Amino acid sequence: MNIVLLILLASVSLSASALPLTPSESAGKRLYREGLSDNGAPVMARVGAADILLPASSLPCANCHGADGQGRAEGGVRPPDLSWSRLSSTYGQQQINGRDYPAYTDGSLARAIQEGRDPGNNRLDPAMPRFVLSMNDQRNLSAYLKRLADDRDPGLNADSLHLGTLLPSSGPLSEEGATVAAVLKGSVARINEAGGIHGRSLRLTILDPGPDRISAEQALEQLIEQEQVFALIAPLVPALDSELAARLERAGVPLIGPLSLQGTAPASRQIFEPLPGLREQLIALADYASDSLRVRQGPTLIAYPDDPGQRLAAQNLEQYLQDHAWQHVRLQTYNSSQDPLPLGSRSVFYLGSGGGFSRLAERLQNAGQVPYLFAASNQVAGDLLQMPSGFSRRVFLAYPFVPSDWTPSGRTALTLLREHQGLGGEHAVLQVGAFSSMLLLSEGMKQAGRDASREKLINALEGLHDFATGLTPLISFGPGRRLGLSGAHIVTVELPDQRFYLVAPYKPIAVTP
């Protein structure tokens, strides 16, 4: 009978922990994580001895105590565990300084949150804000704190981990989307065959972001709200560049993937990129051109398509060149062969698709112009067959990795995945980016432990240093650092044979955000 009773109690406990949040608890969760009332109205907080009023959205509870309420050290302060089992313990509490105080009740919890005093009337740490809450807000927050320890992040179950991504199945990026999808599926299968991560098998949902920003936003909402994925992995959705970070931060969803290869992506605590972005690759090219080719006196042309992301990357490069004493730098958009021919430049930095790169080179050569050409390999590598031979060893490409970065185990792992998924060497940068993203996700979840959460995953990834993918230089993240690699290899090309020569190995570059 006792055994049956224990089994029944265990099942009741498991069922209770799986119950959805009530409206009050959901409102309290929003207040805890975002510092907003249930109707979206801002909540204020008093900070410091001077009682300076600040929006609670700038310092919500989760910032210090973590989404899981377990607290994380920051600035010399260690916020306490907020689990209700600890706060309401009948054995009382003991602070680090040795002071004892009674267990928390609803009333003393409200006093601690609003006045900064514990149940023993001791002042809490001065770093603790005092929140200005209505009775309804306080009720909601208290209700959620009682559920906090059992509130598991979406997509994380006892035996499974649900990941999601957005990859185009039609349109100009359909081939790239199919390549990344194959790598992700192969990586998921490999991890599951090895037993998963802490006993959890991985499940991957892939949605097509559609043709424009509106359809991409809808697909993202479906992943977050309906599919309730735990994290996003290696999406390919340029249409969301300006909105993605803010939406991920509101939902608390981490993302691992090479977002900024094709342009720019806003910095976010939620986003970890294994490869250098377009901006970092262009700066690596500029540094090589300045130090080894001595071309700062110009004239220098930056050619780019009329696309918001590419335009911003071109403008960032222009500013970088001007800040480093480059002279006679100009920007020019291009759309077709009818655009004015950019004659007279000693150096041309090219941003955009591969087809435009070879057409630009051909028109320049026909006009008797053979300037140095600089581009990111992932944008133009597929067009090198069409490059005129007059540009032999005058084309310089930035590569996030080169064959010498590949270890025997890394090469074998990627080769086996390619064979299983029917892939060749096409879109190699995207392949390695997706493969590395899955390695990072796996390592981060392993370090997060069996009792993982999104917050623990983010903290684990933030703490990764000199992580070996076997296919790239060593990857490192850190507080405020979300690009695993910040430089590029520089390679020149001998035409028409397409022989590649490494002229400058990878080294990190110092760039401000």
Protein backbone atom coordinates (compact mmCIF):
# COMPACT_ATOMS: atom_id res chain seq x y z
CA MET A 1 0.00 0.00 0.00
CA ASN A 2 2.80 2.41 0.87
CA ILE A 3 4.49 1.77 -2.48
CA VAL A 4 1.24 2.40 -4.37
CA LEU A 5 0.69 5.59 -2.39
CA LEU A 6 4.22 6.79 -3.22
CA ILE A 7 3.65 6.09 -6.91
CA LEU A 8 0.35 7.99 -6.82
CA LEU A 9 1.95 10.93 -5.03
CA ALA A 10 4.79 10.98 -7.54
CA SER A 11 2.38 11.00 -10.46
CA VAL A 12 0.37 13.81 -8.86
CA SER A 13 3.57 15.78 -8.33
CA LEU A 14 4.66 15.28 -11.93
CA SER A 15 1.22 16.26 -13.20
CA ALA A 16 1.21 19.40 -11.06
CA SER A 17 4.60 20.50 -12.37
CA ALA A 18 3.33 20.07 -15.91
CA LEU A 19 0.25 22.24 -15.37
CA PRO A 20 0.17 25.42 -17.49
CA LEU A 21 0.53 28.74 -15.73
CA THR A 22 -2.65 30.46 -14.59
CA PRO A 23 -3.39 33.96 -15.95
CA SER A 24 -2.10 35.43 -12.69
CA GLU A 25 1.09 33.36 -12.81
CA SER A 26 1.63 34.26 -16.48
CA ALA A 27 1.27 37.95 -15.63
CA GLY A 28 3.73 37.48 -12.77
CA LYS A 29 6.16 35.79 -15.16
CA ARG A 30 6.05 38.79 -17.46
CA LEU A 31 6.66 41.12 -14.54
CA TYR A 32 9.53 38.93 -13.32
CA ARG A 33 11.23 38.65 -16.73
CA GLU A 34 10.35 41.94 -18.43
CA GLY A 35 9.46 44.37 -15.65
CA LEU A 36 6.03 45.03 -17.18
CA SER A 37 2.56 44.88 -15.68
CA ASP A 38 -0.04 42.42 -17.01
CA ASN A 39 -1.46 45.10 -19.33
CA GLY A 40 1.95 46.06 -20.66
CA ALA A 41 2.14 49.20 -18.57
CA PRO A 42 5.60 50.06 -17.23
CA VAL A 43 6.45 49.36 -13.60
CA MET A 44 8.89 51.60 -11.75
CA ALA A 45 11.63 50.73 -9.27
CA ARG A 46 13.57 52.72 -6.68
CA VAL A 47 17.32 52.24 -6.83
CA GLY A 48 20.03 53.16 -4.32
CA ALA A 49 19.96 55.29 -1.20
CA ALA A 50 18.64 58.24 -3.21
CA ASP A 51 15.57 56.25 -4.33
CA ILE A 52 16.19 57.06 -7.99
CA LEU A 53 13.15 56.03 -10.02
CA LEU A 54 13.88 53.85 -13.05
CA PRO A 55 11.68 51.70 -15.30
CA ALA A 56 11.62 48.15 -13.99
CA SER A 57 12.00 46.98 -17.60
CA SER A 58 15.65 48.11 -17.42
CA LEU A 59 16.30 45.96 -14.34
CA PRO A 60 13.72 43.14 -14.14
CA CYS A 61 14.10 40.43 -11.52
CA ALA A 62 15.37 37.89 -14.05
CA ASN A 63 18.37 40.07 -14.91
CA CYS A 64 20.01 39.23 -11.58
CA HIS A 65 18.16 36.21 -10.26
CA GLY A 66 18.05 34.47 -13.66
CA ALA A 67 15.07 33.12 -15.56
CA ASP A 68 15.21 30.05 -13.32
CA GLY A 69 15.39 32.13 -10.11
CA GLN A 70 18.61 30.53 -8.93
CA GLY A 71 20.67 33.73 -9.06
CA ARG A 72 23.97 34.37 -10.80
CA ALA A 73 26.93 36.37 -9.54
CA GLU A 74 27.32 39.76 -11.19
CA GLY A 75 29.44 42.74 -10.17
CA GLY A 76 30.45 41.13 -6.89
CA VAL A 77 26.81 40.53 -5.87
CA ARG A 78 25.34 37.03 -5.58
CA PRO A 79 21.53 37.26 -5.74
CA PRO A 80 19.84 34.53 -3.66
CA ASP A 81 17.83 31.58 -4.87
CA LEU A 82 14.16 32.62 -5.17
CA SER A 83 12.61 29.15 -5.14
CA TRP A 84 9.52 29.17 -2.90
CA SER A 85 10.69 25.99 -1.15
CA ARG A 86 13.71 27.91 0.13
CA LEU A 87 11.91 31.19 0.87
CA SER A 88 9.10 29.51 2.81
CA SER A 89 11.27 26.99 4.64
CA THR A 90 10.02 26.44 8.23
CA TYR A 91 13.62 26.12 9.33
CA GLY A 92 14.18 29.81 8.67
CA GLN A 93 16.84 31.50 6.60
CA GLN A 94 20.43 32.43 7.14
CA GLN A 95 22.25 35.07 5.16
CA ILE A 96 25.93 34.91 4.20
CA ASN A 97 26.67 37.37 7.03
CA GLY A 98 25.18 34.92 9.52
CA ARG A 99 21.94 36.76 10.36
CA ASP A 100 18.92 34.53 10.92
CA TYR A 101 15.40 35.51 9.94
CA PRO A 102 12.02 33.74 9.72
CA ALA A 103 10.55 32.06 6.68
CA TYR A 104 8.91 34.27 4.09
CA THR A 105 5.14 34.67 3.92
CA ASP A 106 3.15 36.43 1.22
CA GLY A 107 3.19 39.59 3.32
CA SER A 108 6.92 39.58 4.12
CA LEU A 109 7.73 38.73 0.50
CA ALA A 110 5.78 41.81 -0.63
CA ARG A 111 7.69 43.89 1.90
CA ALA A 112 11.03 42.57 0.65
CA ILE A 113 10.14 43.34 -2.97
CA GLN A 114 8.70 46.79 -2.31
CA GLU A 115 10.67 48.02 0.72
CA GLY A 116 13.91 46.02 0.60
CA ARG A 117 13.60 44.37 4.03
CA ASP A 118 13.63 40.65 4.87
CA PRO A 119 11.22 38.96 7.37
CA GLY A 120 13.62 39.83 10.21
CA ASN A 121 13.44 43.53 9.28
CA ASN A 122 17.04 43.46 8.02
CA ARG A 123 17.83 45.63 5.02
CA LEU A 124 18.48 43.66 1.86
CA ASP A 125 21.56 44.27 -0.26
CA PRO A 126 21.61 47.88 -1.56
CA ALA A 127 21.82 46.51 -5.09
CA MET A 128 18.28 45.17 -4.73
CA PRO A 129 15.75 47.54 -6.37
CA ARG A 130 12.51 48.33 -4.53
CA PHE A 131 9.65 47.86 -6.94
CA VAL A 132 6.57 50.10 -6.98
CA LEU A 133 3.77 47.58 -7.44
CA SER A 134 0.01 47.66 -7.33
CA MET A 135 -1.73 45.04 -5.20
CA ASN A 136 -2.60 43.13 -8.36
CA ASP A 137 1.01 43.24 -9.63
CA GLN A 138 2.27 41.99 -6.27
CA ARG A 139 -0.27 39.16 -6.23
CA ASN A 140 0.77 38.11 -9.72
CA LEU A 141 4.47 38.23 -8.92
CA SER A 142 4.03 36.25 -5.69
CA ALA A 143 1.95 33.66 -7.54
CA TYR A 144 4.65 33.22 -10.16
CA LEU A 145 7.49 32.97 -7.64
CA LYS A 146 5.66 30.01 -6.11
CA ARG A 147 5.74 28.30 -9.51
CA LEU A 148 9.16 29.53 -10.59
CA ALA A 149 11.10 26.37 -9.69
CA ASP A 150 8.65 24.21 -11.68
CA ASP A 151 8.27 26.54 -14.65
CA ARG A 152 10.31 24.73 -17.28
CA ASP A 153 11.29 26.52 -20.43
CA PRO A 154 9.25 25.55 -23.52
CA GLY A 155 10.68 22.82 -25.70
CA LEU A 156 12.49 21.06 -22.85
CA ASN A 157 10.96 17.83 -21.58
CA ALA A 158 12.29 14.94 -19.55
CA ASP A 159 13.17 12.98 -22.67
CA SER A 160 13.33 15.51 -25.53
CA LEU A 161 14.74 18.86 -26.63
CA HIS A 162 12.83 20.74 -29.33
CA LEU A 163 14.83 22.98 -31.68
CA GLY A 164 13.57 25.14 -34.51
CA THR A 165 14.88 27.01 -37.52
CA LEU A 166 13.72 29.09 -40.49
CA LEU A 167 15.10 28.00 -43.88
CA PRO A 168 13.79 28.97 -47.33
CA SER A 169 12.60 26.12 -49.55
CA SER A 170 11.97 28.35 -52.58
CA GLY A 171 13.33 31.59 -53.99
CA PRO A 172 16.91 32.80 -54.45
CA LEU A 173 18.16 31.20 -51.20
CA SER A 174 16.46 27.81 -51.64
CA GLU A 175 19.72 25.94 -52.41
CA GLU A 176 21.38 27.44 -49.36
CA GLY A 177 18.33 26.59 -47.26
CA ALA A 178 18.34 22.97 -48.43
CA THR A 179 22.07 22.68 -47.64
CA VAL A 180 21.71 24.01 -44.10
CA ALA A 181 18.63 21.81 -43.52
CA ALA A 182 20.60 18.72 -44.56
CA VAL A 183 23.48 19.57 -42.20
CA LEU A 184 21.13 20.21 -39.26
CA LYS A 185 19.16 17.00 -39.86
CA GLY A 186 22.35 15.00 -40.13
CA SER A 187 23.72 16.55 -36.92
CA VAL A 188 20.49 15.84 -35.03
CA ALA A 189 20.55 12.22 -36.21
CA ARG A 190 24.19 11.84 -35.15
CA ILE A 191 23.51 13.21 -31.65
CA ASN A 192 20.40 11.06 -31.20
CA GLU A 193 22.23 7.92 -32.32
CA ALA A 194 24.80 8.63 -29.63
CA GLY A 195 22.09 8.76 -26.96
CA GLY A 196 21.06 12.41 -27.15
CA ILE A 197 22.13 15.02 -24.61
CA HIS A 198 21.69 14.00 -20.96
CA GLY A 199 19.25 11.36 -22.17
CA ARG A 200 17.16 13.80 -24.18
CA SER A 201 16.64 13.16 -27.89
CA LEU A 202 16.66 16.17 -30.20
CA ARG A 203 13.69 17.13 -32.35
CA LEU A 204 14.02 19.71 -35.12
CA THR A 205 11.21 21.74 -36.70
CA ILE A 206 12.04 23.56 -39.95
CA LEU A 207 9.69 26.25 -41.28
CA ASP A 208 9.92 28.22 -44.51
CA PRO A 209 10.11 31.96 -43.71
CA GLY A 210 8.34 32.80 -46.97
CA PRO A 211 9.02 35.58 -49.45
CA ASP A 212 9.00 38.70 -47.27
CA ARG A 213 9.28 40.21 -43.80
CA ILE A 214 5.61 39.66 -42.89
CA SER A 215 5.68 35.96 -43.73
CA ALA A 216 9.02 35.59 -41.92
CA GLU A 217 7.59 37.22 -38.78
CA GLN A 218 4.61 34.85 -38.91
CA ALA A 219 6.90 31.83 -39.24
CA LEU A 220 9.00 33.01 -36.30
CA GLU A 221 5.87 33.50 -34.18
CA GLN A 222 4.77 29.99 -35.08
CA LEU A 223 8.08 28.54 -33.88
CA ILE A 224 7.99 30.49 -30.62
CA GLU A 225 4.30 30.47 -29.71
CA GLN A 226 2.86 27.34 -31.32
CA GLU A 227 5.79 24.97 -31.72
CA GLN A 228 7.33 26.36 -28.50
CA VAL A 229 10.90 25.54 -29.45
CA PHE A 230 13.61 25.74 -26.80
CA ALA A 231 16.16 27.43 -29.11
CA LEU A 232 16.71 28.43 -32.73
CA ILE A 233 19.58 26.93 -34.67
CA ALA A 234 21.27 28.34 -37.81
CA PRO A 235 18.29 30.13 -39.43
CA LEU A 236 18.66 31.74 -42.84
CA VAL A 237 16.20 34.63 -42.85
CA PRO A 238 17.68 37.98 -43.97
CA ALA A 239 14.23 39.62 -43.95
CA LEU A 240 14.21 39.56 -40.13
CA ASP A 241 17.62 41.17 -39.54
CA SER A 242 16.20 44.25 -37.85
CA GLU A 243 13.48 42.53 -35.78
CA LEU A 244 14.95 39.17 -34.83
CA ALA A 245 17.00 40.13 -31.77
CA ALA A 246 14.20 42.08 -30.09
CA ARG A 247 11.70 39.25 -30.59
CA LEU A 248 14.11 36.64 -29.24
CA GLU A 249 14.84 38.75 -26.18
CA ARG A 250 11.13 39.22 -25.41
CA ALA A 251 10.60 35.46 -25.61
CA GLY A 252 13.91 34.55 -23.93
CA VAL A 253 14.80 32.24 -26.83
CA PRO A 254 18.50 31.61 -27.52
CA LEU A 255 19.80 31.43 -31.09
CA ILE A 256 23.00 29.80 -32.29
CA GLY A 257 23.97 30.38 -35.91
CA PRO A 258 25.98 32.47 -38.38
CA LEU A 259 23.43 35.26 -38.85
CA SER A 260 25.66 38.08 -40.10
CA LEU A 261 27.49 36.29 -42.93
CA GLN A 262 25.32 38.08 -45.48
CA GLY A 263 25.14 41.47 -43.79
CA THR A 264 24.61 42.82 -40.32
CA ALA A 265 22.77 41.48 -37.31
CA PRO A 266 22.00 43.43 -34.14
CA ALA A 267 23.96 42.45 -31.04
CA SER A 268 21.94 40.49 -28.50
CA ARG A 269 22.64 38.51 -25.36
CA GLN A 270 20.47 35.74 -26.85
CA ILE A 271 22.45 35.28 -30.09
CA PHE A 272 25.72 33.34 -30.48
CA GLU A 273 27.47 33.27 -33.87
CA PRO A 274 30.21 30.71 -34.55
CA LEU A 275 31.63 32.49 -37.61
CA PRO A 276 32.76 36.06 -38.32
CA GLY A 277 30.17 38.29 -39.93
CA LEU A 278 30.50 40.16 -43.21
CA ARG A 279 31.67 43.26 -41.32
CA GLU A 280 34.54 41.43 -39.64
CA GLN A 281 35.62 39.77 -42.90
CA LEU A 282 35.68 43.09 -44.75
CA ILE A 283 37.76 44.68 -41.99
CA ALA A 284 40.22 41.78 -42.15
CA LEU A 285 40.52 42.40 -45.92
CA ALA A 286 41.01 46.12 -45.36
CA ASP A 287 43.75 45.52 -42.80
CA TYR A 288 45.57 43.19 -45.19
CA ALA A 289 45.21 45.64 -48.08
CA SER A 290 46.57 48.46 -45.96
CA ASP A 291 49.47 46.56 -44.42
CA SER A 292 50.59 44.40 -47.36
CA LEU A 293 49.40 46.14 -50.54
CA ARG A 294 49.84 49.75 -49.38
CA VAL A 295 46.73 51.07 -51.10
CA ARG A 296 45.37 53.50 -48.52
CA GLN A 297 45.99 56.51 -50.76
CA GLY A 298 43.21 55.24 -53.05
CA PRO A 299 41.02 55.87 -54.87
CA THR A 300 38.94 53.12 -53.29
CA LEU A 301 35.45 52.03 -54.32
CA ILE A 302 32.93 50.14 -52.18
CA ALA A 303 30.34 48.57 -54.50
CA TYR A 304 27.17 47.11 -52.99
CA PRO A 305 23.58 46.22 -53.99
CA ASP A 306 20.64 48.39 -52.97
CA ASP A 307 19.78 46.25 -49.98
CA PRO A 308 19.44 47.58 -46.41
CA GLY A 309 21.78 45.03 -44.81
CA GLN A 310 24.43 45.34 -47.52
CA ARG A 311 24.15 49.12 -47.47
CA LEU A 312 24.79 49.24 -43.73
CA ALA A 313 27.78 46.89 -44.08
CA ALA A 314 29.18 49.11 -46.86
CA GLN A 315 28.72 52.24 -44.76
CA ASN A 316 30.43 50.58 -41.79
CA LEU A 317 33.37 49.66 -44.02
CA GLU A 318 33.57 53.21 -45.39
CA GLN A 319 33.71 54.59 -41.86
CA TYR A 320 36.37 52.08 -40.86
CA LEU A 321 38.55 52.98 -43.87
CA GLN A 322 38.23 56.70 -43.20
CA ASP A 323 39.05 56.19 -39.52
CA HIS A 324 42.24 54.39 -40.60
CA ALA A 325 43.54 57.08 -42.96
CA TRP A 326 42.28 55.66 -46.25
CA GLN A 327 41.85 58.44 -48.80
CA HIS A 328 39.38 59.01 -51.66
CA VAL A 329 36.86 56.37 -50.53
CA ARG A 330 33.48 56.34 -52.23
CA LEU A 331 30.34 54.21 -52.13
CA GLN A 332 28.35 53.12 -55.17
CA THR A 333 25.29 50.92 -55.55
CA TYR A 334 24.88 48.64 -58.52
CA ASN A 335 21.80 46.96 -59.94
CA SER A 336 22.62 45.95 -63.48
CA SER A 337 25.11 46.22 -66.31
CA GLN A 338 23.64 49.65 -67.04
CA ASP A 339 25.10 51.19 -63.88
CA PRO A 340 27.98 53.61 -64.48
CA LEU A 341 31.31 51.83 -64.70
CA PRO A 342 33.47 52.61 -61.64
CA LEU A 343 36.73 53.48 -63.41
CA GLY A 344 39.95 54.75 -61.88
CA SER A 345 39.84 52.86 -58.55
CA ARG A 346 42.96 51.23 -57.21
CA SER A 347 40.94 48.99 -54.90
CA VAL A 348 37.36 47.75 -55.09
CA PHE A 349 35.54 46.18 -52.14
CA TYR A 350 32.59 44.19 -53.40
CA LEU A 351 29.46 43.24 -51.43
CA GLY A 352 26.64 41.19 -52.90
CA SER A 353 25.97 38.15 -55.06
CA GLY A 354 28.55 36.20 -57.01
CA GLY A 355 27.12 36.99 -60.45
CA GLY A 356 27.63 40.68 -59.95
CA PHE A 357 31.27 40.11 -58.92
CA SER A 358 32.35 38.47 -62.21
CA ARG A 359 30.34 40.97 -64.29
CA LEU A 360 32.02 43.87 -62.53
CA ALA A 361 35.47 42.33 -63.11
CA GLU A 362 34.74 41.68 -66.79
CA ARG A 363 33.58 45.25 -67.40
CA LEU A 364 36.64 46.63 -65.62
CA GLN A 365 39.02 44.47 -67.63
CA ASN A 366 37.31 45.43 -70.92
CA ALA A 367 37.90 49.06 -69.96
CA GLY A 368 41.57 48.40 -69.26
CA GLN A 369 41.15 48.52 -65.48
CA VAL A 370 42.53 45.82 -63.17
CA PRO A 371 42.25 47.11 -59.59
CA TYR A 372 42.60 44.89 -56.56
CA LEU A 373 39.28 43.22 -55.83
CA PHE A 374 38.23 42.30 -52.28
CA ALA A 375 35.20 40.23 -51.22
CA ALA A 376 33.91 37.75 -48.65
CA SER A 377 34.24 34.20 -49.95
CA ASN A 378 30.74 33.13 -48.93
CA GLN A 379 29.29 35.86 -51.17
CA VAL A 380 31.32 35.30 -54.35
CA ALA A 381 33.14 31.94 -54.27
CA GLY A 382 30.61 30.32 -56.60
CA ASP A 383 31.36 32.93 -59.29
CA LEU A 384 35.13 32.53 -59.49
CA LEU A 385 34.88 30.30 -62.58
CA GLN A 386 33.63 33.33 -64.50
CA MET A 387 36.37 35.72 -63.39
CA PRO A 388 38.57 37.08 -66.22
CA SER A 389 42.18 35.90 -66.09
CA GLY A 390 43.49 39.46 -66.01
CA PHE A 391 42.60 39.54 -62.31
CA SER A 392 44.91 36.64 -61.46
CA ARG A 393 46.36 37.24 -57.97
CA ARG A 394 44.50 40.54 -57.80
CA VAL A 395 41.41 38.99 -56.23
CA PHE A 396 41.55 38.64 -52.44
CA LEU A 397 38.91 36.75 -50.50
CA ALA A 398 38.17 36.50 -46.77
CA TYR A 399 37.58 32.96 -45.50
CA PRO A 400 36.31 32.14 -41.98
CA PHE A 401 38.31 28.90 -42.19
CA VAL A 402 40.77 27.14 -44.54
CA PRO A 403 41.69 23.43 -44.96
CA SER A 404 44.58 23.74 -42.51
CA ASP A 405 42.01 24.48 -39.76
CA TRP A 406 40.43 21.06 -40.25
CA THR A 407 41.56 18.38 -37.83
CA PRO A 408 41.38 14.70 -38.89
CA SER A 409 38.39 14.12 -36.60
CA GLY A 410 36.61 17.27 -37.80
CA ARG A 411 37.14 16.36 -41.45
CA THR A 412 35.92 12.81 -40.87
CA ALA A 413 32.78 13.98 -39.04
CA LEU A 414 31.81 16.42 -41.80
CA THR A 415 32.63 13.92 -44.55
CA LEU A 416 30.41 11.26 -42.98
CA LEU A 417 27.58 13.75 -42.56
CA ARG A 418 27.89 14.82 -46.18
CA GLU A 419 27.78 11.21 -47.35
CA HIS A 420 24.71 10.43 -45.24
CA GLN A 421 22.88 13.55 -46.40
CA GLY A 422 23.96 13.44 -50.07
CA LEU A 423 25.90 16.70 -49.89
CA GLY A 424 28.97 17.79 -51.79
CA GLY A 425 31.19 20.77 -51.11
CA GLU A 426 28.61 23.37 -52.14
CA HIS A 427 28.04 26.31 -49.79
CA ALA A 428 30.90 25.12 -47.61
CA VAL A 429 30.80 28.17 -45.32
CA LEU A 430 27.12 27.61 -44.55
CA GLN A 431 27.76 23.89 -44.02
CA VAL A 432 30.52 24.54 -41.51
CA GLY A 433 28.48 27.31 -39.88
CA ALA A 434 25.50 25.00 -39.33
CA PHE A 435 27.71 22.10 -38.23
CA SER A 436 29.56 24.32 -35.74
CA SER A 437 26.26 25.71 -34.45
CA MET A 438 25.08 22.19 -33.58
CA LEU A 439 28.41 21.45 -31.86
CA LEU A 440 28.01 24.60 -29.77
CA LEU A 441 24.41 23.76 -28.89
CA SER A 442 25.45 20.26 -27.84
CA GLU A 443 28.37 21.48 -25.73
CA GLY A 444 26.29 24.24 -24.13
CA MET A 445 23.49 21.83 -23.18
CA LYS A 446 25.99 19.33 -21.77
CA GLN A 447 27.51 22.01 -19.58
CA ALA A 448 24.06 23.29 -18.57
CA GLY A 449 23.43 19.86 -17.05
CA ARG A 450 20.40 17.67 -16.77
CA ASP A 451 18.48 20.47 -15.05
CA ALA A 452 19.03 22.74 -18.05
CA SER A 453 17.24 25.96 -18.96
CA ARG A 454 17.59 28.63 -21.59
CA GLU A 455 19.35 30.82 -19.04
CA LYS A 456 21.82 28.05 -18.18
CA LEU A 457 22.49 27.42 -21.87
CA ILE A 458 23.25 31.11 -22.44
CA ASN A 459 25.56 31.19 -19.42
CA ALA A 460 27.33 28.02 -20.54
CA LEU A 461 27.91 29.35 -24.06
CA GLU A 462 29.07 32.69 -22.69
CA GLY A 463 31.72 30.82 -20.72
CA LEU A 464 33.12 28.87 -23.70
CA HIS A 465 36.73 29.72 -24.53
CA ASP A 466 38.97 28.15 -27.20
CA PHE A 467 36.26 25.68 -28.18
CA ALA A 468 37.48 23.33 -30.92
CA THR A 469 35.02 22.54 -33.71
CA GLY A 470 37.64 20.67 -35.73
CA LEU A 471 36.73 22.81 -38.76
CA THR A 472 37.46 26.41 -37.74
CA PRO A 473 39.92 28.35 -35.62
CA LEU A 474 39.20 28.03 -31.89
CA ILE A 475 35.90 29.69 -30.93
CA SER A 476 35.54 31.91 -27.85
CA PHE A 477 32.62 33.82 -26.38
CA GLY A 478 32.33 35.96 -23.28
CA PRO A 479 30.29 38.70 -21.58
CA GLY A 480 29.39 41.13 -24.35
CA ARG A 481 31.09 38.92 -26.94
CA ARG A 482 28.76 36.93 -29.17
CA LEU A 483 30.96 36.37 -32.26
CA GLY A 484 33.01 33.23 -31.79
CA LEU A 485 35.49 34.38 -34.44
CA SER A 486 36.33 38.01 -35.12
CA GLY A 487 38.78 37.75 -38.02
CA ALA A 488 39.35 35.88 -41.28
CA HIS A 489 41.98 34.18 -43.40
CA ILE A 490 42.95 36.13 -46.52
CA VAL A 491 43.37 34.12 -49.74
CA THR A 492 44.35 35.18 -53.25
CA VAL A 493 43.37 33.34 -56.44
CA GLU A 494 45.48 32.45 -59.46
CA LEU A 495 43.36 32.51 -62.62
CA PRO A 496 42.24 30.81 -64.77
CA ASP A 497 43.41 27.68 -62.94
CA GLN A 498 41.72 28.73 -59.69
CA ARG A 499 44.66 27.95 -57.48
CA PHE A 500 44.23 29.40 -54.01
CA TYR A 501 47.09 30.79 -51.94
CA LEU A 502 46.85 31.78 -48.29
CA VAL A 503 48.50 35.20 -47.92
CA ALA A 504 47.43 36.08 -44.36
CA PRO A 505 46.34 33.53 -41.72
CA TYR A 506 43.50 34.14 -39.30
CA LYS A 507 44.04 36.59 -36.51
CA PRO A 508 41.40 38.29 -34.38
CA ILE A 509 40.72 41.92 -35.18
CA ALA A 510 39.92 44.58 -32.62
CA VAL A 511 36.64 46.20 -33.64
CA THR A 512 34.12 48.08 -31.55
CA PRO A 513 30.43 47.03 -31.68
